[in-house]
Amino acid sequence: MIDNYKTSKKRDLLMPRQNEIARYLIQGLSTSFIAKKTGLHISTISTFKSAIFQKLGIDNVLKLKQILEADEN
């Protein structure tokens, strides 16, 4: 999916709210803390996390961090 998408940055695959959640995740914040910070339910944050991982073809926060940091360079 990612390989066929015309973008130079993988973070461009994410919607603005997904980018926000992704930034919180790579800071090491817990799902419950992110939920409180954003005013969303914990289950909604988990859904966002799953969607982010699926869109980027990853399975953990460390890989997410690597992608987002690489996009900044």
C-alpha atoms as a PDB file:
ATOM      1  CA  MET A   1       0.000   0.000   0.000  1.00  0.00           C
ATOM      2  CA  ILE A   2       2.700   2.486   0.977  1.00  0.00           C
ATOM      3  CA  ASP A   3       4.894   1.713  -2.021  1.00  0.00           C
ATOM      4  CA  ASN A   4       2.111   2.639  -4.449  1.00  0.00           C
ATOM      5  CA  TYR A   5       1.255   5.909  -2.745  1.00  0.00           C
ATOM      6  CA  LYS A   6       2.778   9.042  -4.256  1.00  0.00           C
ATOM      7  CA  THR A   7       4.316  10.817  -1.279  1.00  0.00           C
ATOM      8  CA  SER A   8       7.813  11.445  -0.091  1.00  0.00           C
ATOM      9  CA  LYS A   9       6.837  11.168   3.555  1.00  0.00           C
ATOM     10  CA  LYS A  10       4.999   8.239   5.079  1.00  0.00           C
ATOM     11  CA  ARG A  11       3.446  10.541   7.689  1.00  0.00           C
ATOM     12  CA  ASP A  12       1.483  12.105   4.808  1.00  0.00           C
ATOM     13  CA  LEU A  13      -0.546   8.885   4.750  1.00  0.00           C
ATOM     14  CA  LEU A  14      -1.984   9.812   8.148  1.00  0.00           C
ATOM     15  CA  MET A  15      -4.899  12.115   8.826  1.00  0.00           C
ATOM     16  CA  PRO A  16      -4.171  15.131  11.092  1.00  0.00           C
ATOM     17  CA  ARG A  17      -5.660  13.485  14.197  1.00  0.00           C
ATOM     18  CA  GLN A  18      -3.681  10.308  13.481  1.00  0.00           C
ATOM     19  CA  ASN A  19      -0.497  12.391  13.257  1.00  0.00           C
ATOM     20  CA  GLU A  20      -1.334  13.956  16.617  1.00  0.00           C
ATOM     21  CA  ILE A  21      -1.851  10.551  18.248  1.00  0.00           C
ATOM     22  CA  ALA A  22       1.316   9.214  16.599  1.00  0.00           C
ATOM     23  CA  ARG A  23       3.364  12.091  18.065  1.00  0.00           C
ATOM     24  CA  TYR A  24       2.008  11.309  21.529  1.00  0.00           C
ATOM     25  CA  LEU A  25       2.773   7.616  21.096  1.00  0.00           C
ATOM     26  CA  ILE A  26       6.409   8.192  20.172  1.00  0.00           C
ATOM     27  CA  GLN A  27       6.784  10.361  23.259  1.00  0.00           C
ATOM     28  CA  GLY A  28       6.044   7.245  25.273  1.00  0.00           C
ATOM     29  CA  LEU A  29       2.687   8.443  26.561  1.00  0.00           C
ATOM     30  CA  SER A  30       0.217   5.751  27.593  1.00  0.00           C
ATOM     31  CA  THR A  31      -3.064   5.191  25.823  1.00  0.00           C
ATOM     32  CA  SER A  32      -4.975   6.313  28.900  1.00  0.00           C
ATOM     33  CA  PHE A  33      -2.906   9.501  29.225  1.00  0.00           C
ATOM     34  CA  ILE A  34      -3.410  10.313  25.533  1.00  0.00           C
ATOM     35  CA  ALA A  35      -7.146   9.753  25.992  1.00  0.00           C
ATOM     36  CA  LYS A  36      -7.261  12.219  28.881  1.00  0.00           C
ATOM     37  CA  LYS A  37      -5.120  14.752  26.999  1.00  0.00           C
ATOM     38  CA  THR A  38      -7.272  14.639  23.860  1.00  0.00           C
ATOM     39  CA  GLY A  39     -10.661  14.129  25.508  1.00  0.00           C
ATOM     40  CA  LEU A  40     -11.191  10.876  23.603  1.00  0.00           C
ATOM     41  CA  HIS A  41     -12.023   7.428  24.950  1.00  0.00           C
ATOM     42  CA  ILE A  42      -9.223   4.918  25.514  1.00  0.00           C
ATOM     43  CA  SER A  43     -10.829   2.614  22.941  1.00  0.00           C
ATOM     44  CA  THR A  44     -10.751   5.441  20.382  1.00  0.00           C
ATOM     45  CA  ILE A  45      -7.034   5.950  20.976  1.00  0.00           C
ATOM     46  CA  SER A  46      -6.496   2.203  20.532  1.00  0.00           C
ATOM     47  CA  THR A  47      -8.434   2.359  17.267  1.00  0.00           C
ATOM     48  CA  PHE A  48      -6.303   5.280  16.084  1.00  0.00           C
ATOM     49  CA  LYS A  49      -3.146   3.377  17.039  1.00  0.00           C
ATOM     50  CA  SER A  50      -4.246   0.308  15.075  1.00  0.00           C
ATOM     51  CA  ALA A  51      -5.126   2.412  12.028  1.00  0.00           C
ATOM     52  CA  ILE A  52      -1.768   4.208  12.168  1.00  0.00           C
ATOM     53  CA  PHE A  53       0.123   0.925  12.375  1.00  0.00           C
ATOM     54  CA  GLN A  54      -1.903  -0.563   9.520  1.00  0.00           C
ATOM     55  CA  LYS A  55      -1.444   2.440   7.233  1.00  0.00           C
ATOM     56  CA  LEU A  56       2.304   2.477   7.815  1.00  0.00           C
ATOM     57  CA  GLY A  57       2.708  -1.309   7.711  1.00  0.00           C
ATOM     58  CA  ILE A  58       4.275  -1.500  11.170  1.00  0.00           C
ATOM     59  CA  ASP A  59       3.566  -3.316  14.409  1.00  0.00           C
ATOM     60  CA  ASN A  60       5.156  -1.296  17.191  1.00  0.00           C
ATOM     61  CA  VAL A  61       5.858   2.210  18.470  1.00  0.00           C
ATOM     62  CA  LEU A  62       9.619   1.924  17.927  1.00  0.00           C
ATOM     63  CA  LYS A  63       9.082   1.527  14.182  1.00  0.00           C
ATOM     64  CA  LEU A  64       6.622   4.415  14.281  1.00  0.00           C
ATOM     65  CA  LYS A  65       9.252   6.578  15.922  1.00  0.00           C
ATOM     66  CA  GLN A  66      11.823   5.613  13.279  1.00  0.00           C
ATOM     67  CA  ILE A  67       9.408   6.538  10.470  1.00  0.00           C
ATOM     68  CA  LEU A  68       8.405   9.890  11.941  1.00  0.00           C
ATOM     69  CA  GLU A  69      11.995  10.841  12.739  1.00  0.00           C
ATOM     70  CA  ALA A  70      13.128   9.841   9.242  1.00  0.00           C
ATOM     71  CA  ASP A  71      10.369  12.022   7.759  1.00  0.00           C
ATOM     72  CA  GLU A  72      11.717  15.033   9.671  1.00  0.00           C
ATOM     73  CA  ASN A  73      15.130  14.751   8.000  1.00  0.00           C
END
